Amino acid sequence: MSAQTLALFRAHRRQQTADRLAAGERWQDRGLVFPSKVGTPRDPDHIDRTWHKIRAAADLDWLRLHDLRHACATFLLVSGASPRTVMKVLGHSQIGLTMNTYAHVLPDIERAAVDEAAKHLFG
């Protein structure tokens, strides 16, 4: 990730913190990445406009908003999160959807798990 991209994400995080403090008791913490000024979901059109501005400023015109879901799932799986955990984080209702969509990252994880088990079994 470029220094410019990292700076944009940090600035976004600082703005969220300022919004949370300004909202005080009106803030509704829902764990959203792009909440409104009081923590509630934003209008989808606003999210799209904001994403395009951030993406352009970071020179990531090729990156789709949905790609962030794939990146999140991949990072979780590579970090050792269970498929059920990834399912929950992504809001999927069925494990099959998660696995059919993100199983492409599993071969390396599976290989590492088998290698680790072999070390324990055979020294």
PDB file of N, CA and C in Angstrom:
ATOM      1  N   MET A   1       0.859  -1.166   0.000  1.00  0.00           N
ATOM      2  CA  MET A   1       0.000   0.000   0.000  1.00  0.00           C
ATOM      3  C   MET A   1       0.906   1.230   0.000  1.00  0.00           C
ATOM      4  N   SER A   2       0.588   2.166  -0.845  1.00  0.00           N
ATOM      5  CA  SER A   2       1.415   3.367  -0.952  1.00  0.00           C
ATOM      6  C   SER A   2       1.240   4.255   0.287  1.00  0.00           C
ATOM      7  N   ALA A   3       2.217   5.099   0.490  1.00  0.00           N
ATOM      8  CA  ALA A   3       2.154   6.041   1.612  1.00  0.00           C
ATOM      9  C   ALA A   3       0.954   6.973   1.456  1.00  0.00           C
ATOM     10  N   GLN A   4       0.647   7.330   0.211  1.00  0.00           N
ATOM     11  CA  GLN A   4      -0.496   8.218  -0.046  1.00  0.00           C
ATOM     12  C   GLN A   4      -1.812   7.525   0.327  1.00  0.00           C
ATOM     13  N   THR A   5      -1.940   6.264  -0.025  1.00  0.00           N
ATOM     14  CA  THR A   5      -3.145   5.512   0.306  1.00  0.00           C
ATOM     15  C   THR A   5      -3.290   5.377   1.811  1.00  0.00           C
ATOM     16  N   LEU A   6      -2.208   5.040   2.469  1.00  0.00           N
ATOM     17  CA  LEU A   6      -2.220   4.908   3.920  1.00  0.00           C
ATOM     18  C   LEU A   6      -2.606   6.233   4.581  1.00  0.00           C
ATOM     19  N   ALA A   7      -2.094   7.325   4.065  1.00  0.00           N
ATOM     20  CA  ALA A   7      -2.435   8.644   4.612  1.00  0.00           C
ATOM     21  C   ALA A   7      -3.924   8.937   4.444  1.00  0.00           C
ATOM     22  N   LEU A   8      -4.503   8.541   3.309  1.00  0.00           N
ATOM     23  CA  LEU A   8      -5.936   8.752   3.096  1.00  0.00           C
ATOM     24  C   LEU A   8      -6.766   7.945   4.084  1.00  0.00           C
ATOM     25  N   PHE A   9      -6.388   6.699   4.309  1.00  0.00           N
ATOM     26  CA  PHE A   9      -7.127   5.871   5.257  1.00  0.00           C
ATOM     27  C   PHE A   9      -7.001   6.413   6.677  1.00  0.00           C
ATOM     28  N   ARG A  10      -5.835   6.895   7.025  1.00  0.00           N
ATOM     29  CA  ARG A  10      -5.653   7.481   8.359  1.00  0.00           C
ATOM     30  C   ARG A  10      -6.478   8.754   8.520  1.00  0.00           C
ATOM     31  N   ALA A  11      -6.535   9.560   7.475  1.00  0.00           N
ATOM     32  CA  ALA A  11      -7.341  10.783   7.521  1.00  0.00           C
ATOM     33  C   ALA A  11      -8.822  10.430   7.677  1.00  0.00           C
ATOM     34  N   HIS A  12      -9.254   9.397   6.980  1.00  0.00           N
ATOM     35  CA  HIS A  12     -10.653   8.950   7.101  1.00  0.00           C
ATOM     36  C   HIS A  12     -10.941   8.516   8.535  1.00  0.00           C
ATOM     37  N   ARG A  13     -10.021   7.774   9.120  1.00  0.00           N
ATOM     38  CA  ARG A  13     -10.187   7.305  10.499  1.00  0.00           C
ATOM     39  C   ARG A  13     -10.253   8.485  11.475  1.00  0.00           C
ATOM     40  N   ARG A  14      -9.398   9.487  11.262  1.00  0.00           N
ATOM     41  CA  ARG A  14      -9.424  10.683  12.128  1.00  0.00           C
ATOM     42  C   ARG A  14     -10.764  11.416  11.992  1.00  0.00           C
ATOM     43  N   GLN A  15     -11.283  11.494  10.766  1.00  0.00           N
ATOM     44  CA  GLN A  15     -12.567  12.158  10.550  1.00  0.00           C
ATOM     45  C   GLN A  15     -13.686  11.408  11.262  1.00  0.00           C
ATOM     46  N   GLN A  16     -13.646  10.080  11.210  1.00  0.00           N
ATOM     47  CA  GLN A  16     -14.653   9.286  11.914  1.00  0.00           C
ATOM     48  C   GLN A  16     -14.602   9.547  13.417  1.00  0.00           C
ATOM     49  N   THR A  17     -13.412   9.630  13.959  1.00  0.00           N
ATOM     50  CA  THR A  17     -13.255   9.897  15.392  1.00  0.00           C
ATOM     51  C   THR A  17     -13.821  11.272  15.734  1.00  0.00           C
ATOM     52  N   ALA A  18     -13.545  12.251  14.901  1.00  0.00           N
ATOM     53  CA  ALA A  18     -14.072  13.600  15.130  1.00  0.00           C
ATOM     54  C   ALA A  18     -15.599  13.600  15.045  1.00  0.00           C
ATOM     55  N   ASP A  19     -16.146  12.876  14.070  1.00  0.00           N
ATOM     56  CA  ASP A  19     -17.607  12.786  13.938  1.00  0.00           C
ATOM     57  C   ASP A  19     -18.223  12.135  15.173  1.00  0.00           C
ATOM     58  N   ARG A  20     -17.580  11.084  15.661  1.00  0.00           N
ATOM     59  CA  ARG A  20     -18.086  10.379  16.839  1.00  0.00           C
ATOM     60  C   ARG A  20     -18.106  11.309  18.054  1.00  0.00           C
ATOM     61  N   LEU A  21     -17.043  12.051  18.241  1.00  0.00           N
ATOM     62  CA  LEU A  21     -16.983  12.989  19.372  1.00  0.00           C
ATOM     63  C   LEU A  21     -18.015  14.104  19.225  1.00  0.00           C
ATOM     64  N   ALA A  22     -18.173  14.622  18.013  1.00  0.00           N
ATOM     65  CA  ALA A  22     -19.135  15.706  17.779  1.00  0.00           C
ATOM     66  C   ALA A  22     -20.577  15.230  17.980  1.00  0.00           C
ATOM     67  N   ALA A  23     -20.856  13.992  17.635  1.00  0.00           N
ATOM     68  CA  ALA A  23     -22.220  13.460  17.764  1.00  0.00           C
ATOM     69  C   ALA A  23     -22.579  13.175  19.213  1.00  0.00           C
ATOM     70  N   GLY A  24     -21.584  12.912  20.039  1.00  0.00           N
ATOM     71  CA  GLY A  24     -21.849  12.631  21.443  1.00  0.00           C
ATOM     72  C   GLY A  24     -22.810  11.474  21.631  1.00  0.00           C
ATOM     73  N   GLU A  25     -23.870  11.704  22.397  1.00  0.00           N
ATOM     74  CA  GLU A  25     -24.853  10.653  22.697  1.00  0.00           C
ATOM     75  C   GLU A  25     -25.672  10.240  21.474  1.00  0.00           C
ATOM     76  N   ARG A  26     -25.678  11.061  20.438  1.00  0.00           N
ATOM     77  CA  ARG A  26     -26.433  10.701  19.231  1.00  0.00           C
ATOM     78  C   ARG A  26     -25.724   9.620  18.410  1.00  0.00           C
ATOM     79  N   TRP A  27     -24.416   9.407  18.685  1.00  0.00           N
ATOM     80  CA  TRP A  27     -23.636   8.438  17.914  1.00  0.00           C
ATOM     81  C   TRP A  27     -24.179   7.023  18.122  1.00  0.00           C
ATOM     82  N   GLN A  28     -24.381   6.311  17.036  1.00  0.00           N
ATOM     83  CA  GLN A  28     -24.835   4.924  17.066  1.00  0.00           C
ATOM     84  C   GLN A  28     -23.721   4.070  16.475  1.00  0.00           C
ATOM     85  N   ASP A  29     -22.938   3.430  17.348  1.00  0.00           N
ATOM     86  CA  ASP A  29     -21.802   2.643  16.875  1.00  0.00           C
ATOM     87  C   ASP A  29     -22.285   1.322  16.304  1.00  0.00           C
ATOM     88  N   ARG A  30     -22.211   1.218  14.988  1.00  0.00           N
ATOM     89  CA  ARG A  30     -22.627  -0.003  14.293  1.00  0.00           C
ATOM     90  C   ARG A  30     -21.452  -0.672  13.596  1.00  0.00           C
ATOM     91  N   GLY A  31     -20.246  -0.184  13.871  1.00  0.00           N
ATOM     92  CA  GLY A  31     -19.057  -0.785  13.279  1.00  0.00           C
ATOM     93  C   GLY A  31     -18.930  -0.563  11.785  1.00  0.00           C
ATOM     94  N   LEU A  32     -19.496   0.512  11.283  1.00  0.00           N
ATOM     95  CA  LEU A  32     -19.482   0.783   9.848  1.00  0.00           C
ATOM     96  C   LEU A  32     -18.183   1.476   9.428  1.00  0.00           C
ATOM     97  N   VAL A  33     -17.729   1.206   8.209  1.00  0.00           N
ATOM     98  CA  VAL A  33     -16.531   1.849   7.682  1.00  0.00           C
ATOM     99  C   VAL A  33     -16.834   3.262   7.206  1.00  0.00           C
ATOM    100  N   PHE A  34     -17.994   3.449   6.577  1.00  0.00           N
ATOM    101  CA  PHE A  34     -18.389   4.759   6.073  1.00  0.00           C
ATOM    102  C   PHE A  34     -19.741   5.155   6.653  1.00  0.00           C
ATOM    103  N   PRO A  35     -19.789   5.435   7.963  1.00  0.00           N
ATOM    104  CA  PRO A  35     -21.072   5.802   8.569  1.00  0.00           C
ATOM    105  C   PRO A  35     -21.428   7.258   8.291  1.00  0.00           C
ATOM    106  N   SER A  36     -22.662   7.587   8.616  1.00  0.00           N
ATOM    107  CA  SER A  36     -23.084   8.984   8.553  1.00  0.00           C
ATOM    108  C   SER A  36     -22.408   9.730   9.709  1.00  0.00           C
ATOM    109  N   LYS A  37     -22.715  10.998   9.850  1.00  0.00           N
ATOM    110  CA  LYS A  37     -22.113  11.808  10.919  1.00  0.00           C
ATOM    111  C   LYS A  37     -22.547  11.366  12.318  1.00  0.00           C
ATOM    112  N   VAL A  38     -23.565  10.485  12.392  1.00  0.00           N
ATOM    113  CA  VAL A  38     -24.006   9.975  13.699  1.00  0.00           C
ATOM    114  C   VAL A  38     -23.863   8.449  13.797  1.00  0.00           C
ATOM    115  N   GLY A  39     -23.113   7.850  12.856  1.00  0.00           N
ATOM    116  CA  GLY A  39     -22.825   6.424  12.946  1.00  0.00           C
ATOM    117  C   GLY A  39     -23.792   5.497  12.248  1.00  0.00           C
ATOM    118  N   THR A  40     -24.853   6.045  11.684  1.00  0.00           N
ATOM    119  CA  THR A  40     -25.852   5.212  11.008  1.00  0.00           C
ATOM    120  C   THR A  40     -25.413   4.944   9.564  1.00  0.00           C
ATOM    121  N   PRO A  41     -26.066   3.976   8.900  1.00  0.00           N
ATOM    122  CA  PRO A  41     -25.702   3.711   7.500  1.00  0.00           C
ATOM    123  C   PRO A  41     -25.948   4.930   6.619  1.00  0.00           C
ATOM    124  N   ARG A  42     -25.096   5.112   5.644  1.00  0.00           N
ATOM    125  CA  ARG A  42     -25.261   6.198   4.679  1.00  0.00           C
ATOM    126  C   ARG A  42     -26.119   5.742   3.512  1.00  0.00           C
ATOM    127  N   ASP A  43     -26.598   6.700   2.799  1.00  0.00           N
ATOM    128  CA  ASP A  43     -27.309   6.435   1.562  1.00  0.00           C
ATOM    129  C   ASP A  43     -26.333   5.766   0.588  1.00  0.00           C
ATOM    130  N   PRO A  44     -26.732   4.696  -0.099  1.00  0.00           N
ATOM    131  CA  PRO A  44     -25.817   4.005  -1.019  1.00  0.00           C
ATOM    132  C   PRO A  44     -25.177   4.921  -2.058  1.00  0.00           C
ATOM    133  N   ASP A  45     -25.909   5.908  -2.561  1.00  0.00           N
ATOM    134  CA  ASP A  45     -25.323   6.832  -3.536  1.00  0.00           C
ATOM    135  C   ASP A  45     -24.185   7.638  -2.921  1.00  0.00           C
ATOM    136  N   HIS A  46     -24.332   7.990  -1.652  1.00  0.00           N
ATOM    137  CA  HIS A  46     -23.272   8.737  -0.967  1.00  0.00           C
ATOM    138  C   HIS A  46     -22.031   7.862  -0.827  1.00  0.00           C
ATOM    139  N   ILE A  47     -22.228   6.600  -0.482  1.00  0.00           N
ATOM    140  CA  ILE A  47     -21.099   5.683  -0.363  1.00  0.00           C
ATOM    141  C   ILE A  47     -20.367   5.589  -1.692  1.00  0.00           C
ATOM    142  N   ASP A  48     -21.113   5.453  -2.767  1.00  0.00           N
ATOM    143  CA  ASP A  48     -20.512   5.329  -4.087  1.00  0.00           C
ATOM    144  C   ASP A  48     -19.711   6.583  -4.450  1.00  0.00           C
ATOM    145  N   ARG A  49     -20.276   7.755  -4.216  1.00  0.00           N
ATOM    146  CA  ARG A  49     -19.569   9.012  -4.514  1.00  0.00           C
ATOM    147  C   ARG A  49     -18.301   9.126  -3.667  1.00  0.00           C
ATOM    148  N   THR A  50     -18.409   8.798  -2.388  1.00  0.00           N
ATOM    149  CA  THR A  50     -17.256   8.880  -1.495  1.00  0.00           C
ATOM    150  C   THR A  50     -16.168   7.910  -1.929  1.00  0.00           C
ATOM    151  N   TRP A  51     -16.568   6.679  -2.261  1.00  0.00           N
ATOM    152  CA  TRP A  51     -15.599   5.669  -2.697  1.00  0.00           C
ATOM    153  C   TRP A  51     -14.846   6.145  -3.942  1.00  0.00           C
ATOM    154  N   HIS A  52     -15.560   6.712  -4.909  1.00  0.00           N
ATOM    155  CA  HIS A  52     -14.911   7.179  -6.132  1.00  0.00           C
ATOM    156  C   HIS A  52     -13.903   8.284  -5.841  1.00  0.00           C
ATOM    157  N   LYS A  53     -14.214   9.172  -4.902  1.00  0.00           N
ATOM    158  CA  LYS A  53     -13.279  10.242  -4.534  1.00  0.00           C
ATOM    159  C   LYS A  53     -12.031   9.670  -3.874  1.00  0.00           C
ATOM    160  N   ILE A  54     -12.217   8.769  -2.922  1.00  0.00           N
ATOM    161  CA  ILE A  54     -11.080   8.167  -2.221  1.00  0.00           C
ATOM    162  C   ILE A  54     -10.223   7.370  -3.197  1.00  0.00           C
ATOM    163  N   ARG A  55     -10.872   6.589  -4.027  1.00  0.00           N
ATOM    164  CA  ARG A  55     -10.167   5.750  -4.997  1.00  0.00           C
ATOM    165  C   ARG A  55      -9.352   6.604  -5.964  1.00  0.00           C
ATOM    166  N   ALA A  56      -9.935   7.670  -6.466  1.00  0.00           N
ATOM    167  CA  ALA A  56      -9.230   8.550  -7.400  1.00  0.00           C
ATOM    168  C   ALA A  56      -8.049   9.230  -6.720  1.00  0.00           C
ATOM    169  N   ALA A  57      -8.254   9.694  -5.493  1.00  0.00           N
ATOM    170  CA  ALA A  57      -7.172  10.359  -4.762  1.00  0.00           C
ATOM    171  C   ALA A  57      -6.011   9.413  -4.486  1.00  0.00           C
ATOM    172  N   ALA A  58      -6.317   8.123  -4.334  1.00  0.00           N
ATOM    173  CA  ALA A  58      -5.274   7.137  -4.055  1.00  0.00           C
ATOM    174  C   ALA A  58      -4.716   6.521  -5.341  1.00  0.00           C
ATOM    175  N   ASP A  59      -5.183   6.986  -6.488  1.00  0.00           N
ATOM    176  CA  ASP A  59      -4.753   6.467  -7.783  1.00  0.00           C
ATOM    177  C   ASP A  59      -5.011   4.963  -7.890  1.00  0.00           C
ATOM    178  N   LEU A  60      -6.207   4.562  -7.464  1.00  0.00           N
ATOM    179  CA  LEU A  60      -6.612   3.157  -7.502  1.00  0.00           C
ATOM    180  C   LEU A  60      -7.879   2.997  -8.339  1.00  0.00           C
ATOM    181  N   ASP A  61      -7.872   3.611  -9.511  1.00  0.00           N
ATOM    182  CA  ASP A  61      -9.072   3.605 -10.345  1.00  0.00           C
ATOM    183  C   ASP A  61      -9.550   2.203 -10.712  1.00  0.00           C
ATOM    184  N   TRP A  62      -8.681   1.237 -10.700  1.00  0.00           N
ATOM    185  CA  TRP A  62      -9.033  -0.143 -11.057  1.00  0.00           C
ATOM    186  C   TRP A  62      -9.758  -0.864  -9.919  1.00  0.00           C
ATOM    187  N   LEU A  63      -9.655  -0.358  -8.694  1.00  0.00           N
ATOM    188  CA  LEU A  63     -10.185  -1.046  -7.523  1.00  0.00           C
ATOM    189  C   LEU A  63     -11.679  -0.800  -7.349  1.00  0.00           C
ATOM    190  N   ARG A  64     -12.446  -1.885  -7.307  1.00  0.00           N
ATOM    191  CA  ARG A  64     -13.891  -1.776  -7.083  1.00  0.00           C
ATOM    192  C   ARG A  64     -14.168  -1.852  -5.582  1.00  0.00           C
ATOM    193  N   LEU A  65     -15.250  -1.237  -5.151  1.00  0.00           N
ATOM    194  CA  LEU A  65     -15.637  -1.284  -3.747  1.00  0.00           C
ATOM    195  C   LEU A  65     -15.809  -2.730  -3.290  1.00  0.00           C
ATOM    196  N   HIS A  66     -16.402  -3.545  -4.134  1.00  0.00           N
ATOM    197  CA  HIS A  66     -16.631  -4.946  -3.773  1.00  0.00           C
ATOM    198  C   HIS A  66     -15.312  -5.710  -3.589  1.00  0.00           C
ATOM    199  N   ASP A  67     -14.238  -5.241  -4.212  1.00  0.00           N
ATOM    200  CA  ASP A  67     -12.935  -5.894  -4.043  1.00  0.00           C
ATOM    201  C   ASP A  67     -12.488  -5.863  -2.586  1.00  0.00           C
ATOM    202  N   LEU A  68     -12.967  -4.888  -1.827  1.00  0.00           N
ATOM    203  CA  LEU A  68     -12.593  -4.810  -0.411  1.00  0.00           C
ATOM    204  C   LEU A  68     -13.158  -5.992   0.373  1.00  0.00           C
ATOM    205  N   ARG A  69     -14.331  -6.483  -0.009  1.00  0.00           N
ATOM    206  CA  ARG A  69     -14.900  -7.677   0.641  1.00  0.00           C
ATOM    207  C   ARG A  69     -14.016  -8.886   0.382  1.00  0.00           C
ATOM    208  N   HIS A  70     -13.568  -9.020  -0.859  1.00  0.00           N
ATOM    209  CA  HIS A  70     -12.692 -10.140  -1.197  1.00  0.00           C
ATOM    210  C   HIS A  70     -11.373 -10.038  -0.434  1.00  0.00           C
ATOM    211  N   ALA A  71     -10.832  -8.832  -0.350  1.00  0.00           N
ATOM    212  CA  ALA A  71      -9.584  -8.642   0.383  1.00  0.00           C
ATOM    213  C   ALA A  71      -9.774  -8.978   1.858  1.00  0.00           C
ATOM    214  N   CYS A  72     -10.879  -8.534   2.425  1.00  0.00           N
ATOM    215  CA  CYS A  72     -11.167  -8.827   3.832  1.00  0.00           C
ATOM    216  C   CYS A  72     -11.230 -10.330   4.058  1.00  0.00           C
ATOM    217  N   ALA A  73     -11.984 -11.035   3.215  1.00  0.00           N
ATOM    218  CA  ALA A  73     -12.109 -12.488   3.364  1.00  0.00           C
ATOM    219  C   ALA A  73     -10.758 -13.169   3.218  1.00  0.00           C
ATOM    220  N   THR A  74      -9.983 -12.753   2.244  1.00  0.00           N
ATOM    221  CA  THR A  74      -8.676 -13.349   2.015  1.00  0.00           C
ATOM    222  C   THR A  74      -7.760 -13.131   3.215  1.00  0.00           C
ATOM    223  N   PHE A  75      -7.702 -11.903   3.713  1.00  0.00           N
ATOM    224  CA  PHE A  75      -6.844 -11.612   4.866  1.00  0.00           C
ATOM    225  C   PHE A  75      -7.277 -12.409   6.094  1.00  0.00           C
ATOM    226  N   LEU A  76      -8.569 -12.533   6.301  1.00  0.00           N
ATOM    227  CA  LEU A  76      -9.059 -13.308   7.440  1.00  0.00           C
ATOM    228  C   LEU A  76      -8.653 -14.777   7.318  1.00  0.00           C
ATOM    229  N   LEU A  77      -8.872 -15.355   6.140  1.00  0.00           N
ATOM    230  CA  LEU A  77      -8.536 -16.764   5.948  1.00  0.00           C
ATOM    231  C   LEU A  77      -7.032 -17.008   6.070  1.00  0.00           C
ATOM    232  N   VAL A  78      -6.233 -16.157   5.452  1.00  0.00           N
ATOM    233  CA  VAL A  78      -4.779 -16.311   5.516  1.00  0.00           C
ATOM    234  C   VAL A  78      -4.276 -16.116   6.953  1.00  0.00           C
ATOM    235  N   SER A  79      -4.982 -15.316   7.717  1.00  0.00           N
ATOM    236  CA  SER A  79      -4.596 -15.087   9.117  1.00  0.00           C
ATOM    237  C   SER A  79      -5.037 -16.223  10.039  1.00  0.00           C
ATOM    238  N   GLY A  80      -5.743 -17.194   9.477  1.00  0.00           N
ATOM    239  CA  GLY A  80      -6.138 -18.353  10.268  1.00  0.00           C
ATOM    240  C   GLY A  80      -7.574 -18.331  10.771  1.00  0.00           C
ATOM    241  N   ALA A  81      -8.350 -17.362  10.361  1.00  0.00           N
ATOM    242  CA  ALA A  81      -9.754 -17.338  10.785  1.00  0.00           C
ATOM    243  C   ALA A  81     -10.484 -18.519  10.163  1.00  0.00           C
ATOM    244  N   SER A  82     -11.421 -19.056  10.896  1.00  0.00           N
ATOM    245  CA  SER A  82     -12.194 -20.178  10.375  1.00  0.00           C
ATOM    246  C   SER A  82     -13.148 -19.683   9.286  1.00  0.00           C
ATOM    247  N   PRO A  83     -13.497 -20.556   8.354  1.00  0.00           N
ATOM    248  CA  PRO A  83     -14.479 -20.162   7.339  1.00  0.00           C
ATOM    249  C   PRO A  83     -15.788 -19.662   7.958  1.00  0.00           C
ATOM    250  N   ARG A  84     -16.202 -20.231   9.085  1.00  0.00           N
ATOM    251  CA  ARG A  84     -17.442 -19.786   9.731  1.00  0.00           C
ATOM    252  C   ARG A  84     -17.281 -18.351  10.242  1.00  0.00           C
ATOM    253  N   THR A  85     -16.106 -18.009  10.744  1.00  0.00           N
ATOM    254  CA  THR A  85     -15.857 -16.631  11.186  1.00  0.00           C
ATOM    255  C   THR A  85     -15.938 -15.682  10.001  1.00  0.00           C
ATOM    256  N   VAL A  86     -15.326 -16.061   8.887  1.00  0.00           N
ATOM    257  CA  VAL A  86     -15.371 -15.225   7.689  1.00  0.00           C
ATOM    258  C   VAL A  86     -16.815 -15.065   7.229  1.00  0.00           C
ATOM    259  N   MET A  87     -17.577 -16.145   7.261  1.00  0.00           N
ATOM    260  CA  MET A  87     -18.989 -16.095   6.895  1.00  0.00           C
ATOM    261  C   MET A  87     -19.721 -15.043   7.733  1.00  0.00           C
ATOM    262  N   LYS A  88     -19.476 -15.054   9.029  1.00  0.00           N
ATOM    263  CA  LYS A  88     -20.156 -14.125   9.928  1.00  0.00           C
ATOM    264  C   LYS A  88     -19.739 -12.673   9.668  1.00  0.00           C
ATOM    265  N   VAL A  89     -18.438 -12.448   9.500  1.00  0.00           N
ATOM    266  CA  VAL A  89     -17.939 -11.097   9.250  1.00  0.00           C
ATOM    267  C   VAL A  89     -18.530 -10.517   7.966  1.00  0.00           C
ATOM    268  N   LEU A  90     -18.633 -11.355   6.936  1.00  0.00           N
ATOM    269  CA  LEU A  90     -19.152 -10.884   5.656  1.00  0.00           C
ATOM    270  C   LEU A  90     -20.673 -10.822   5.609  1.00  0.00           C
ATOM    271  N   GLY A  91     -21.331 -11.368   6.625  1.00  0.00           N
ATOM    272  CA  GLY A  91     -22.781 -11.319   6.678  1.00  0.00           C
ATOM    273  C   GLY A  91     -23.465 -12.355   5.809  1.00  0.00           C
ATOM    274  N   HIS A  92     -22.743 -13.416   5.468  1.00  0.00           N
ATOM    275  CA  HIS A  92     -23.364 -14.487   4.684  1.00  0.00           C
ATOM    276  C   HIS A  92     -24.245 -15.339   5.595  1.00  0.00           C
ATOM    277  N   SER A  93     -25.313 -15.864   5.041  1.00  0.00           N
ATOM    278  CA  SER A  93     -26.214 -16.697   5.834  1.00  0.00           C
ATOM    279  C   SER A  93     -25.869 -18.176   5.717  1.00  0.00           C
ATOM    280  N   GLN A  94     -25.066 -18.527   4.721  1.00  0.00           N
ATOM    281  CA  GLN A  94     -24.712 -19.925   4.518  1.00  0.00           C
ATOM    282  C   GLN A  94     -23.215 -20.065   4.259  1.00  0.00           C
ATOM    283  N   ILE A  95     -22.616 -21.051   4.897  1.00  0.00           N
ATOM    284  CA  ILE A  95     -21.174 -21.281   4.752  1.00  0.00           C
ATOM    285  C   ILE A  95     -20.816 -21.608   3.309  1.00  0.00           C
ATOM    286  N   GLY A  96     -21.731 -22.249   2.577  1.00  0.00           N
ATOM    287  CA  GLY A  96     -21.466 -22.596   1.183  1.00  0.00           C
ATOM    288  C   GLY A  96     -21.179 -21.377   0.319  1.00  0.00           C
ATOM    289  N   LEU A  97     -21.892 -20.297   0.552  1.00  0.00           N
ATOM    290  CA  LEU A  97     -21.659 -19.071  -0.205  1.00  0.00           C
ATOM    291  C   LEU A  97     -20.253 -18.563   0.054  1.00  0.00           C
ATOM    292  N   THR A  98     -19.865 -18.542   1.305  1.00  0.00           N
ATOM    293  CA  THR A  98     -18.527 -18.072   1.668  1.00  0.00           C
ATOM    294  C   THR A  98     -17.464 -18.950   1.030  1.00  0.00           C
ATOM    295  N   MET A  99     -17.604 -20.255   1.183  1.00  0.00           N
ATOM    296  CA  MET A  99     -16.588 -21.170   0.692  1.00  0.00           C
ATOM    297  C   MET A  99     -16.540 -21.204  -0.836  1.00  0.00           C
ATOM    298  N   ASN A 100     -17.685 -21.162  -1.477  1.00  0.00           N
ATOM    299  CA  ASN A 100     -17.691 -21.176  -2.943  1.00  0.00           C
ATOM    300  C   ASN A 100     -17.104 -19.895  -3.525  1.00  0.00           C
ATOM    301  N   THR A 101     -17.229 -18.809  -2.796  1.00  0.00           N
ATOM    302  CA  THR A 101     -16.736 -17.528  -3.282  1.00  0.00           C
ATOM    303  C   THR A 101     -15.269 -17.304  -2.958  1.00  0.00           C
ATOM    304  N   TYR A 102     -14.827 -17.761  -1.780  1.00  0.00           N
ATOM    305  CA  TYR A 102     -13.480 -17.436  -1.321  1.00  0.00           C
ATOM    306  C   TYR A 102     -12.554 -18.634  -1.168  1.00  0.00           C
ATOM    307  N   ALA A 103     -12.969 -19.794  -1.609  1.00  0.00           N
ATOM    308  CA  ALA A 103     -12.154 -21.002  -1.443  1.00  0.00           C
ATOM    309  C   ALA A 103     -10.848 -20.930  -2.225  1.00  0.00           C
ATOM    310  N   HIS A 104     -10.742 -20.031  -3.183  1.00  0.00           N
ATOM    311  CA  HIS A 104      -9.508 -19.927  -3.968  1.00  0.00           C
ATOM    312  C   HIS A 104      -8.293 -19.593  -3.120  1.00  0.00           C
ATOM    313  N   VAL A 105      -8.498 -19.065  -1.926  1.00  0.00           N
ATOM    314  CA  VAL A 105      -7.349 -18.749  -1.076  1.00  0.00           C
ATOM    315  C   VAL A 105      -6.961 -19.930  -0.188  1.00  0.00           C
ATOM    316  N   LEU A 106      -7.771 -20.971  -0.171  1.00  0.00           N
ATOM    317  CA  LEU A 106      -7.537 -22.060   0.764  1.00  0.00           C
ATOM    318  C   LEU A 106      -6.415 -23.031   0.411  1.00  0.00           C
ATOM    319  N   PRO A 107      -6.063 -23.275  -0.851  1.00  0.00           N
ATOM    320  CA  PRO A 107      -5.011 -24.254  -1.105  1.00  0.00           C
ATOM    321  C   PRO A 107      -3.706 -23.994  -0.355  1.00  0.00           C
ATOM    322  N   ASP A 108      -3.247 -22.756  -0.317  1.00  0.00           N
ATOM    323  CA  ASP A 108      -2.022 -22.444   0.421  1.00  0.00           C
ATOM    324  C   ASP A 108      -2.202 -22.665   1.914  1.00  0.00           C
ATOM    325  N   ILE A 109      -3.373 -22.310   2.426  1.00  0.00           N
ATOM    326  CA  ILE A 109      -3.658 -22.511   3.842  1.00  0.00           C
ATOM    327  C   ILE A 109      -3.704 -23.998   4.148  1.00  0.00           C
ATOM    328  N   GLU A 110      -4.352 -24.759   3.283  1.00  0.00           N
ATOM    329  CA  GLU A 110      -4.431 -26.206   3.482  1.00  0.00           C
ATOM    330  C   GLU A 110      -3.045 -26.834   3.441  1.00  0.00           C
ATOM    331  N   ARG A 111      -2.208 -26.413   2.507  1.00  0.00           N
ATOM    332  CA  ARG A 111      -0.847 -26.963   2.389  1.00  0.00           C
ATOM    333  C   ARG A 111      -0.063 -26.682   3.663  1.00  0.00           C
ATOM    334  N   ALA A 112      -0.170 -25.466   4.172  1.00  0.00           N
ATOM    335  CA  ALA A 112       0.544 -25.110   5.399  1.00  0.00           C
ATOM    336  C   ALA A 112       0.045 -25.945   6.574  1.00  0.00           C
ATOM    337  N   ALA A 113      -1.268 -26.179   6.639  1.00  0.00           N
ATOM    338  CA  ALA A 113      -1.834 -26.982   7.731  1.00  0.00           C
ATOM    339  C   ALA A 113      -1.348 -28.425   7.646  1.00  0.00           C
ATOM    340  N   VAL A 114      -1.323 -28.984   6.447  1.00  0.00           N
ATOM    341  CA  VAL A 114      -0.837 -30.356   6.281  1.00  0.00           C
ATOM    342  C   VAL A 114       0.643 -30.443   6.628  1.00  0.00           C
ATOM    343  N   ASP A 115       1.436 -29.483   6.203  1.00  0.00           N
ATOM    344  CA  ASP A 115       2.856 -29.477   6.521  1.00  0.00           C
ATOM    345  C   ASP A 115       3.077 -29.388   8.026  1.00  0.00           C
ATOM    346  N   GLU A 116       2.287 -28.560   8.699  1.00  0.00           N
ATOM    347  CA  GLU A 116       2.406 -28.412  10.150  1.00  0.00           C
ATOM    348  C   GLU A 116       2.035 -29.707  10.852  1.00  0.00           C
ATOM    349  N   ALA A 117       0.958 -30.346  10.414  1.00  0.00           N
ATOM    350  CA  ALA A 117       0.543 -31.627  11.000  1.00  0.00           C
ATOM    351  C   ALA A 117       1.610 -32.684  10.779  1.00  0.00           C
ATOM    352  N   ALA A 118       2.212 -32.704   9.599  1.00  0.00           N
ATOM    353  CA  ALA A 118       3.276 -33.673   9.312  1.00  0.00           C
ATOM    354  C   ALA A 118       4.458 -33.488  10.225  1.00  0.00           C
ATOM    355  N   LYS A 119       4.805 -32.231  10.506  1.00  0.00           N
ATOM    356  CA  LYS A 119       5.919 -31.970  11.432  1.00  0.00           C
ATOM    357  C   LYS A 119       5.647 -32.574  12.797  1.00  0.00           C
ATOM    358  N   HIS A 120       4.406 -32.437  13.260  1.00  0.00           N
ATOM    359  CA  HIS A 120       4.049 -32.977  14.574  1.00  0.00           C
ATOM    360  C   HIS A 120       4.010 -34.501  14.584  1.00  0.00           C
ATOM    361  N   LEU A 121       3.570 -35.067  13.490  1.00  0.00           N
ATOM    362  CA  LEU A 121       3.461 -36.527  13.403  1.00  0.00           C
ATOM    363  C   LEU A 121       4.799 -37.209  13.159  1.00  0.00           C
ATOM    364  N   PHE A 122       5.599 -36.633  12.294  1.00  0.00           N
ATOM    365  CA  PHE A 122       6.807 -37.312  11.842  1.00  0.00           C
ATOM    366  C   PHE A 122       8.108 -36.625  12.238  1.00  0.00           C
ATOM    367  N   GLY A 123       7.973 -35.504  12.925  1.00  0.00           N
ATOM    368  CA  GLY A 123       9.167 -34.833  13.401  1.00  0.00           C
ATOM    369  C   GLY A 123       9.848 -33.938  12.462  1.00  0.00           C
TER     370      GLY A 123
END
